[in-house]
PDB file of N, CA and C in Angstrom:
ATOM      1  N   MET A   1    -272.901 177.878-206.529  1.00  0.00           N
ATOM      2  CA  MET A   1    -274.155 177.968-205.815  1.00  0.00           C
ATOM      3  C   MET A   1    -273.936 178.834-204.570  1.00  0.00           C
ATOM      4  N   PRO A   2    -274.788 179.834-204.352  1.00  0.00           N
ATOM      5  CA  PRO A   2    -274.654 180.659-203.142  1.00  0.00           C
ATOM      6  C   PRO A   2    -274.797 179.813-201.876  1.00  0.00           C
ATOM      7  N   VAL A   3    -274.127 180.252-200.825  1.00  0.00           N
ATOM      8  CA  VAL A   3    -274.133 179.524-199.558  1.00  0.00           C
ATOM      9  C   VAL A   3    -275.557 179.324-199.050  1.00  0.00           C
ATOM     10  N   SER A   4    -276.408 180.350-199.119  1.00  0.00           N
ATOM     11  CA  SER A   4    -277.767 180.207-198.600  1.00  0.00           C
ATOM     12  C   SER A   4    -278.574 179.205-199.419  1.00  0.00           C
ATOM     13  N   ASP A   5    -278.323 179.113-200.729  1.00  0.00           N
ATOM     14  CA  ASP A   5    -278.999 178.106-201.554  1.00  0.00           C
ATOM     15  C   ASP A   5    -278.556 176.700-201.154  1.00  0.00           C
ATOM     16  N   ARG A   6    -277.276 176.539-200.909  1.00  0.00           N
ATOM     17  CA  ARG A   6    -276.758 175.226-200.488  1.00  0.00           C
ATOM     18  C   ARG A   6    -277.328 174.860-199.123  1.00  0.00           C
ATOM     19  N   CYS A   7    -277.439 175.832-198.253  1.00  0.00           N
ATOM     20  CA  CYS A   7    -278.012 175.606-196.931  1.00  0.00           C
ATOM     21  C   CYS A   7    -279.454 175.113-197.071  1.00  0.00           C
ATOM     22  N   ALA A   8    -280.219 175.749-197.938  1.00  0.00           N
ATOM     23  CA  ALA A   8    -281.605 175.339-198.182  1.00  0.00           C
ATOM     24  C   ALA A   8    -281.637 173.918-198.738  1.00  0.00           C
ATOM     25  N   GLN A   9    -280.734 173.610-199.643  1.00  0.00           N
ATOM     26  CA  GLN A   9    -280.682 172.279-200.243  1.00  0.00           C
ATOM     27  C   GLN A   9    -280.379 171.222-199.184  1.00  0.00           C
ATOM     28  N   ILE A  10    -279.438 171.489-198.320  1.00  0.00           N
ATOM     29  CA  ILE A  10    -279.088 170.545-197.258  1.00  0.00           C
ATOM     30  C   ILE A  10    -280.280 170.343-196.322  1.00  0.00           C
ATOM     31  N   GLY A  11    -280.967 171.423-195.977  1.00  0.00           N
ATOM     32  CA  GLY A  11    -282.151 171.311-195.125  1.00  0.00           C
ATOM     33  C   GLY A  11    -283.208 170.407-195.736  1.00  0.00           C
ATOM     34  N   GLU A  12    -283.447 170.581-197.015  1.00  0.00           N
ATOM     35  CA  GLU A  12    -284.445 169.738-197.693  1.00  0.00           C
ATOM     36  C   GLU A  12    -283.959 168.298-197.804  1.00  0.00           C
ATOM     37  N   GLU A  13    -282.666 168.093-197.974  1.00  0.00           N
ATOM     38  CA  GLU A  13    -282.123 166.729-198.021  1.00  0.00           C
ATOM     39  C   GLU A  13    -282.322 166.029-196.675  1.00  0.00           C
ATOM     40  N   ILE A  14    -282.137 166.750-195.599  1.00  0.00           N
ATOM     41  CA  ILE A  14    -282.361 166.185-194.265  1.00  0.00           C
ATOM     42  C   ILE A  14    -283.829 165.804-194.102  1.00  0.00           C
ATOM     43  N   ARG A  15    -284.714 166.707-194.472  1.00  0.00           N
ATOM     44  CA  ARG A  15    -286.153 166.418-194.368  1.00  0.00           C
ATOM     45  C   ARG A  15    -286.528 165.213-195.232  1.00  0.00           C
ATOM     46  N   ASP A  16    -286.041 165.180-196.458  1.00  0.00           N
ATOM     47  CA  ASP A  16    -286.350 164.063-197.361  1.00  0.00           C
ATOM     48  C   ASP A  16    -285.832 162.734-196.799  1.00  0.00           C
ATOM     49  N   ALA A  17    -284.612 162.744-196.252  1.00  0.00           N
ATOM     50  CA  ALA A  17    -284.043 161.515-195.691  1.00  0.00           C
ATOM     51  C   ALA A  17    -284.882 161.016-194.520  1.00  0.00           C
ATOM     52  N   LEU A  18    -285.337 161.933-193.690  1.00  0.00           N
ATOM     53  CA  LEU A  18    -286.180 161.543-192.566  1.00  0.00           C
ATOM     54  C   LEU A  18    -287.516 160.991-193.055  1.00  0.00           C
ATOM     55  N   HIS A  19    -288.088 161.598-194.078  1.00  0.00           N
ATOM     56  CA  HIS A  19    -289.331 161.073-194.663  1.00  0.00           C
ATOM     57  C   HIS A  19    -289.133 159.654-195.179  1.00  0.00           C
ATOM     58  N   GLU A  20    -287.999 159.407-195.832  1.00  0.00           N
ATOM     59  CA  GLU A  20    -287.728 158.075-196.379  1.00  0.00           C
ATOM     60  C   GLU A  20    -287.608 157.020-195.288  1.00  0.00           C
ATOM     61  N   LEU A  21    -287.128 157.409-194.114  1.00  0.00           N
ATOM     62  CA  LEU A  21    -287.028 156.464-193.001  1.00  0.00           C
ATOM     63  C   LEU A  21    -288.409 156.068-192.480  1.00  0.00           C
ATOM     64  N   ALA A  22    -289.383 156.956-192.610  1.00  0.00           N
ATOM     65  CA  ALA A  22    -290.770 156.696-192.194  1.00  0.00           C
ATOM     66  C   ALA A  22    -290.846 156.119-190.779  1.00  0.00           C
ATOM     67  N   MET A  23    -290.167 156.772-189.847  1.00  0.00           N
ATOM     68  CA  MET A  23    -290.184 156.323-188.455  1.00  0.00           C
ATOM     69  C   MET A  23    -291.524 156.696-187.818  1.00  0.00           C
ATOM     70  N   LEU A  24    -292.187 155.720-187.231  1.00  0.00           N
ATOM     71  CA  LEU A  24    -293.489 155.949-186.628  1.00  0.00           C
ATOM     72  C   LEU A  24    -293.381 156.809-185.378  1.00  0.00           C
ATOM     73  N   HIS A  25    -294.364 157.705-185.218  1.00  0.00           N
ATOM     74  CA  HIS A  25    -294.456 158.580-184.046  1.00  0.00           C
ATOM     75  C   HIS A  25    -295.942 158.790-183.778  1.00  0.00           C
ATOM     76  N   ALA A  26    -296.500 157.972-182.928  1.00  0.00           N
ATOM     77  CA  ALA A  26    -297.947 157.988-182.665  1.00  0.00           C
ATOM     78  C   ALA A  26    -298.423 159.315-182.084  1.00  0.00           C
ATOM     79  N   GLN A  27    -297.529 160.077-181.484  1.00  0.00           N
ATOM     80  CA  GLN A  27    -297.911 161.349-180.861  1.00  0.00           C
ATOM     81  C   GLN A  27    -297.935 162.503-181.869  1.00  0.00           C
ATOM     82  N   ASN A  28    -297.674 162.235-183.126  1.00  0.00           N
ATOM     83  CA  ASN A  28    -297.684 163.259-184.172  1.00  0.00           C
ATOM     84  C   ASN A  28    -298.916 163.018-185.051  1.00  0.00           C
ATOM     85  N   PRO A  29    -300.060 163.565-184.633  1.00  0.00           N
ATOM     86  CA  PRO A  29    -301.319 163.255-185.314  1.00  0.00           C
ATOM     87  C   PRO A  29    -301.357 163.541-186.823  1.00  0.00           C
ATOM     88  N   PRO A  30    -300.752 164.613-187.317  1.00  0.00           N
ATOM     89  CA  PRO A  30    -300.918 164.851-188.752  1.00  0.00           C
ATOM     90  C   PRO A  30    -300.396 163.728-189.643  1.00  0.00           C
ATOM     91  N   SER A  31    -299.233 163.178-189.303  1.00  0.00           N
ATOM     92  CA  SER A  31    -298.637 162.182-190.206  1.00  0.00           C
ATOM     93  C   SER A  31    -298.356 160.846-189.540  1.00  0.00           C
ATOM     94  N   ARG A  32    -298.353 160.805-188.210  1.00  0.00           N
ATOM     95  CA  ARG A  32    -297.964 159.613-187.447  1.00  0.00           C
ATOM     96  C   ARG A  32    -296.508 159.214-187.706  1.00  0.00           C
ATOM     97  N   LEU A  33    -295.723 160.152-188.227  1.00  0.00           N
ATOM     98  CA  LEU A  33    -294.302 159.915-188.498  1.00  0.00           C
ATOM     99  C   LEU A  33    -293.462 160.975-187.806  1.00  0.00           C
ATOM    100  N   VAL A  34    -292.203 160.644-187.556  1.00  0.00           N
ATOM    101  CA  VAL A  34    -291.255 161.625-187.036  1.00  0.00           C
ATOM    102  C   VAL A  34    -290.984 162.638-188.143  1.00  0.00           C
ATOM    103  N   THR A  35    -291.070 163.915-187.804  1.00  0.00           N
ATOM    104  CA  THR A  35    -290.756 164.992-188.745  1.00  0.00           C
ATOM    105  C   THR A  35    -289.724 165.903-188.105  1.00  0.00           C
ATOM    106  N   VAL A  36    -289.227 166.829-188.882  1.00  0.00           N
ATOM    107  CA  VAL A  36    -288.220 167.759-188.364  1.00  0.00           C
ATOM    108  C   VAL A  36    -288.519 169.162-188.880  1.00  0.00           C
ATOM    109  N   SER A  37    -288.307 170.123-188.010  1.00  0.00           N
ATOM    110  CA  SER A  37    -288.303 171.525-188.417  1.00  0.00           C
ATOM    111  C   SER A  37    -286.880 172.023-188.232  1.00  0.00           C
ATOM    112  N   LEU A  38    -286.385 172.757-189.214  1.00  0.00           N
ATOM    113  CA  LEU A  38    -284.995 173.200-189.221  1.00  0.00           C
ATOM    114  C   LEU A  38    -284.909 174.699-189.376  1.00  0.00           C
ATOM    115  N   GLY A  39    -283.904 175.273-188.762  1.00  0.00           N
ATOM    116  CA  GLY A  39    -283.600 176.680-188.964  1.00  0.00           C
ATOM    117  C   GLY A  39    -282.107 176.826-189.191  1.00  0.00           C
ATOM    118  N   ALA A  40    -281.738 177.695-190.101  1.00  0.00           N
ATOM    119  CA  ALA A  40    -280.319 177.890-190.394  1.00  0.00           C
ATOM    120  C   ALA A  40    -280.073 179.350-190.718  1.00  0.00           C
ATOM    121  N   ALA A  41    -278.867 179.751-190.547  1.00  0.00           N
ATOM    122  CA  ALA A  41    -278.469 181.114-190.884  1.00  0.00           C
ATOM    123  C   ALA A  41    -277.116 181.059-191.572  1.00  0.00           C
ATOM    124  N   THR A  42    -276.936 181.935-192.514  1.00  0.00           N
ATOM    125  CA  THR A  42    -275.657 182.027-193.215  1.00  0.00           C
ATOM    126  C   THR A  42    -275.221 183.480-193.256  1.00  0.00           C
ATOM    127  N   GLY A  43    -273.964 183.673-193.442  1.00  0.00           N
ATOM    128  CA  GLY A  43    -273.448 185.020-193.583  1.00  0.00           C
ATOM    129  C   GLY A  43    -271.972 184.971-193.916  1.00  0.00           C
ATOM    130  N   LEU A  44    -271.507 186.005-194.505  1.00  0.00           N
ATOM    131  CA  LEU A  44    -270.080 186.122-194.813  1.00  0.00           C
ATOM    132  C   LEU A  44    -269.492 187.168-193.882  1.00  0.00           C
ATOM    133  N   PRO A  45    -268.309 186.930-193.370  1.00  0.00           N
ATOM    134  CA  PRO A  45    -267.715 187.889-192.433  1.00  0.00           C
ATOM    135  C   PRO A  45    -267.674 189.316-192.978  1.00  0.00           C
ATOM    136  N   SER A  46    -267.552 189.470-194.276  1.00  0.00           N
ATOM    137  CA  SER A  46    -267.495 190.819-194.835  1.00  0.00           C
ATOM    138  C   SER A  46    -268.880 191.463-194.905  1.00  0.00           C
ATOM    139  N   GLN A  47    -269.953 190.658-194.792  1.00  0.00           N
ATOM    140  CA  GLN A  47    -271.311 191.184-194.912  1.00  0.00           C
ATOM    141  C   GLN A  47    -272.049 191.262-193.586  1.00  0.00           C
ATOM    142  N   THR A  48    -271.652 190.489-192.624  1.00  0.00           N
ATOM    143  CA  THR A  48    -272.367 190.425-191.359  1.00  0.00           C
ATOM    144  C   THR A  48    -271.382 190.522-190.213  1.00  0.00           C
ATOM    145  N   SER A  49    -271.932 190.701-189.055  1.00  0.00           N
ATOM    146  CA  SER A  49    -271.113 190.709-187.852  1.00  0.00           C
ATOM    147  C   SER A  49    -270.441 189.356-187.697  1.00  0.00           C
ATOM    148  N   THR A  50    -269.235 189.353-187.200  1.00  0.00           N
ATOM    149  CA  THR A  50    -268.543 188.088-186.965  1.00  0.00           C
ATOM    150  C   THR A  50    -268.927 187.514-185.606  1.00  0.00           C
ATOM    151  N   ASP A  51    -269.866 188.153-184.924  1.00  0.00           N
ATOM    152  CA  ASP A  51    -270.316 187.695-183.621  1.00  0.00           C
ATOM    153  C   ASP A  51    -271.075 186.374-183.768  1.00  0.00           C
ATOM    154  N   ARG A  52    -270.537 185.308-183.209  1.00  0.00           N
ATOM    155  CA  ARG A  52    -271.187 183.998-183.293  1.00  0.00           C
ATOM    156  C   ARG A  52    -272.565 184.000-182.658  1.00  0.00           C
ATOM    157  N   ASN A  53    -272.731 184.777-181.596  1.00  0.00           N
ATOM    158  CA  ASN A  53    -274.034 184.835-180.935  1.00  0.00           C
ATOM    159  C   ASN A  53    -275.106 185.391-181.868  1.00  0.00           C
ATOM    160  N   ALA A  54    -274.751 186.350-182.701  1.00  0.00           N
ATOM    161  CA  ALA A  54    -275.711 186.914-183.656  1.00  0.00           C
ATOM    162  C   ALA A  54    -276.101 185.872-184.699  1.00  0.00           C
ATOM    163  N   LEU A  55    -275.147 185.061-185.136  1.00  0.00           N
ATOM    164  CA  LEU A  55    -275.431 184.022-186.118  1.00  0.00           C
ATOM    165  C   LEU A  55    -276.342 182.948-185.518  1.00  0.00           C
ATOM    166  N   VAL A  56    -276.061 182.555-184.277  1.00  0.00           N
ATOM    167  CA  VAL A  56    -276.907 181.566-183.598  1.00  0.00           C
ATOM    168  C   VAL A  56    -278.305 182.136-183.385  1.00  0.00           C
ATOM    169  N   ALA A  57    -278.400 183.407-183.010  1.00  0.00           N
ATOM    170  CA  ALA A  57    -279.711 184.038-182.816  1.00  0.00           C
ATOM    171  C   ALA A  57    -280.494 184.078-184.123  1.00  0.00           C
ATOM    172  N   ALA A  58    -279.818 184.335-185.235  1.00  0.00           N
ATOM    173  CA  ALA A  58    -280.489 184.351-186.539  1.00  0.00           C
ATOM    174  C   ALA A  58    -280.992 182.952-186.897  1.00  0.00           C
ATOM    175  N   ALA A  59    -280.199 181.923-186.625  1.00  0.00           N
ATOM    176  CA  ALA A  59    -280.635 180.546-186.885  1.00  0.00           C
ATOM    177  C   ALA A  59    -281.822 180.191-186.001  1.00  0.00           C
ATOM    178  N   ASP A  60    -281.805 180.642-184.767  1.00  0.00           N
ATOM    179  CA  ASP A  60    -282.914 180.397-183.847  1.00  0.00           C
ATOM    180  C   ASP A  60    -284.198 181.059-184.352  1.00  0.00           C
ATOM    181  N   ARG A  61    -284.073 182.298-184.839  1.00  0.00           N
ATOM    182  CA  ARG A  61    -285.250 182.983-185.414  1.00  0.00           C
ATOM    183  C   ARG A  61    -285.776 182.215-186.622  1.00  0.00           C
ATOM    184  N   ALA A  62    -284.868 181.696-187.443  1.00  0.00           N
ATOM    185  CA  ALA A  62    -285.282 180.925-188.618  1.00  0.00           C
ATOM    186  C   ALA A  62    -285.988 179.641-188.198  1.00  0.00           C
ATOM    187  N   LEU A  63    -285.501 178.992-187.152  1.00  0.00           N
ATOM    188  CA  LEU A  63    -286.144 177.775-186.658  1.00  0.00           C
ATOM    189  C   LEU A  63    -287.560 178.074-186.193  1.00  0.00           C
ATOM    190  N   TYR A  64    -287.722 179.133-185.391  1.00  0.00           N
ATOM    191  CA  TYR A  64    -289.059 179.440-184.896  1.00  0.00           C
ATOM    192  C   TYR A  64    -289.980 179.932-186.000  1.00  0.00           C
ATOM    193  N   ALA A  65    -289.441 180.582-187.012  1.00  0.00           N
ATOM    194  CA  ALA A  65    -290.261 180.964-188.171  1.00  0.00           C
ATOM    195  C   ALA A  65    -290.732 179.717-188.908  1.00  0.00           C
ATOM    196  N   ALA A  66    -289.850 178.724-189.041  1.00  0.00           N
ATOM    197  CA  ALA A  66    -290.235 177.458-189.684  1.00  0.00           C
ATOM    198  C   ALA A  66    -291.310 176.766-188.862  1.00  0.00           C
ATOM    199  N   LYS A  67    -291.129 176.714-187.546  1.00  0.00           N
ATOM    200  CA  LYS A  67    -292.112 176.067-186.681  1.00  0.00           C
ATOM    201  C   LYS A  67    -293.443 176.797-186.714  1.00  0.00           C
ATOM    202  N   ASP A  68    -293.402 178.131-186.743  1.00  0.00           N
ATOM    203  CA  ASP A  68    -294.635 178.917-186.773  1.00  0.00           C
ATOM    204  C   ASP A  68    -295.430 178.689-188.049  1.00  0.00           C
ATOM    205  N   SER A  69    -294.752 178.266-189.119  1.00  0.00           N
ATOM    206  CA  SER A  69    -295.463 178.035-190.379  1.00  0.00           C
ATOM    207  C   SER A  69    -295.998 176.606-190.479  1.00  0.00           C
ATOM    208  N   GLY A  70    -295.779 175.794-189.460  1.00  0.00           N
ATOM    209  CA  GLY A  70    -296.319 174.438-189.432  1.00  0.00           C
ATOM    210  C   GLY A  70    -295.244 173.420-189.140  1.00  0.00           C
ATOM    211  N   ARG A  71    -295.670 172.179-188.980  1.00  0.00           N
ATOM    212  CA  ARG A  71    -294.714 171.094-188.723  1.00  0.00           C
ATOM    213  C   ARG A  71    -293.954 170.736-189.984  1.00  0.00           C
ATOM    214  N   ASP A  72    -292.794 170.135-189.761  1.00  0.00           N
ATOM    215  CA  ASP A  72    -292.004 169.584-190.867  1.00  0.00           C
ATOM    216  C   ASP A  72    -291.626 170.664-191.871  1.00  0.00           C
ATOM    217  N   ARG A  73    -290.959 171.675-191.387  1.00  0.00           N
ATOM    218  CA  ARG A  73    -290.588 172.822-192.216  1.00  0.00           C
ATOM    219  C   ARG A  73    -289.106 173.111-192.076  1.00  0.00           C
ATOM    220  N   ALA A  74    -288.619 173.908-192.994  1.00  0.00           N
ATOM    221  CA  ALA A  74    -287.240 174.375-192.926  1.00  0.00           C
ATOM    222  C   ALA A  74    -287.234 175.853-193.275  1.00  0.00           C
ATOM    223  N   GLY A  75    -286.322 176.570-192.674  1.00  0.00           N
ATOM    224  CA  GLY A  75    -286.192 177.992-192.973  1.00  0.00           C
ATOM    225  C   GLY A  75    -284.773 178.440-192.711  1.00  0.00           C
ATOM    226  N   ASP A  76    -284.360 179.480-193.401  1.00  0.00           N
ATOM    227  CA  ASP A  76    -283.037 180.020-193.122  1.00  0.00           C
ATOM    228  C   ASP A  76    -283.057 181.520-193.259  1.00  0.00           C
ATOM    229  N   VAL A  77    -282.040 182.103-192.697  1.00  0.00           N
ATOM    230  CA  VAL A  77    -281.844 183.530-192.797  1.00  0.00           C
ATOM    231  C   VAL A  77    -280.456 183.721-193.372  1.00  0.00           C
ATOM    232  N   GLY A  78    -280.409 184.227-194.575  1.00  0.00           N
ATOM    233  CA  GLY A  78    -279.130 184.512-195.197  1.00  0.00           C
ATOM    234  C   GLY A  78    -279.019 185.999-195.403  1.00  0.00           C
ATOM    235  N   PRO A  79    -278.140 186.424-196.241  1.00  0.00           N
ATOM    236  CA  PRO A  79    -278.011 187.853-196.505  1.00  0.00           C
ATOM    237  C   PRO A  79    -279.273 188.400-197.167  1.00  0.00           C
ATOM    238  N   GLY A  80    -280.225 188.820-196.357  1.00  0.00           N
ATOM    239  CA  GLY A  80    -281.455 189.422-196.860  1.00  0.00           C
ATOM    240  C   GLY A  80    -282.405 188.465-197.537  1.00  0.00           C
ATOM    241  N   ARG A  81    -282.308 187.183-197.227  1.00  0.00           N
ATOM    242  CA  ARG A  81    -283.104 186.188-197.949  1.00  0.00           C
ATOM    243  C   ARG A  81    -283.629 185.116-197.019  1.00  0.00           C
ATOM    244  N   ALA A  82    -284.899 184.801-197.150  1.00  0.00           N
ATOM    245  CA  ALA A  82    -285.460 183.643-196.465  1.00  0.00           C
ATOM    246  C   ALA A  82    -285.971 182.699-197.529  1.00  0.00           C
ATOM    247  N   TRP A  83    -285.813 181.425-197.344  1.00  0.00           N
ATOM    248  CA  TRP A  83    -286.234 180.479-198.362  1.00  0.00           C
ATOM    249  C   TRP A  83    -287.480 179.761-197.921  1.00  0.00           C
ATOM    250  N   PRO A  84    -288.358 179.477-198.862  1.00  0.00           N
ATOM    251  CA  PRO A  84    -289.615 178.798-198.528  1.00  0.00           C
ATOM    252  C   PRO A  84    -289.400 177.316-198.272  1.00  0.00           C
ATOM    253  N   ALA A  85    -290.220 176.778-197.422  1.00  0.00           N
ATOM    254  CA  ALA A  85    -290.150 175.348-197.118  1.00  0.00           C
ATOM    255  C   ALA A  85    -291.168 174.604-197.967  1.00  0.00           C
ATOM    256  N   LYS A  86    -290.874 173.352-198.212  1.00  0.00           N
ATOM    257  CA  LYS A  86    -291.845 172.483-198.870  1.00  0.00           C
ATOM    258  C   LYS A  86    -292.977 172.209-197.906  1.00  0.00           C
ATOM    259  N   SER A  87    -294.138 171.995-198.412  1.00  0.00           N
ATOM    260  CA  SER A  87    -295.257 171.587-197.566  1.00  0.00           C
ATOM    261  C   SER A  87    -295.098 170.140-197.198  1.00  0.00           C
ATOM    262  N   ALA A  88    -295.623 169.803-196.018  1.00  0.00           N
ATOM    263  CA  ALA A  88    -295.542 168.400-195.560  1.00  0.00           C
ATOM    264  C   ALA A  88    -296.483 167.526-196.342  1.00  0.00           C
TER     265      ALA A  88
END
């Protein structure tokens, strides 16, 4: 399994686990539950810069892209690939 696919799978597992906990959050009007938005980035040293700051910046962009698409989302930036998030 490619690293970016595994990253997407882990992100969805985190979201699913949080959904199963069903922790109440009265300040979250859409669901009244605690939700999470995730961003991740992957890369191989031979394909991308080994600069850790660039990897963190890519993960940050993925997080804000997930947040911009709505609550309770996940997104990643891998080698030329972004993965879609499940709808809440």
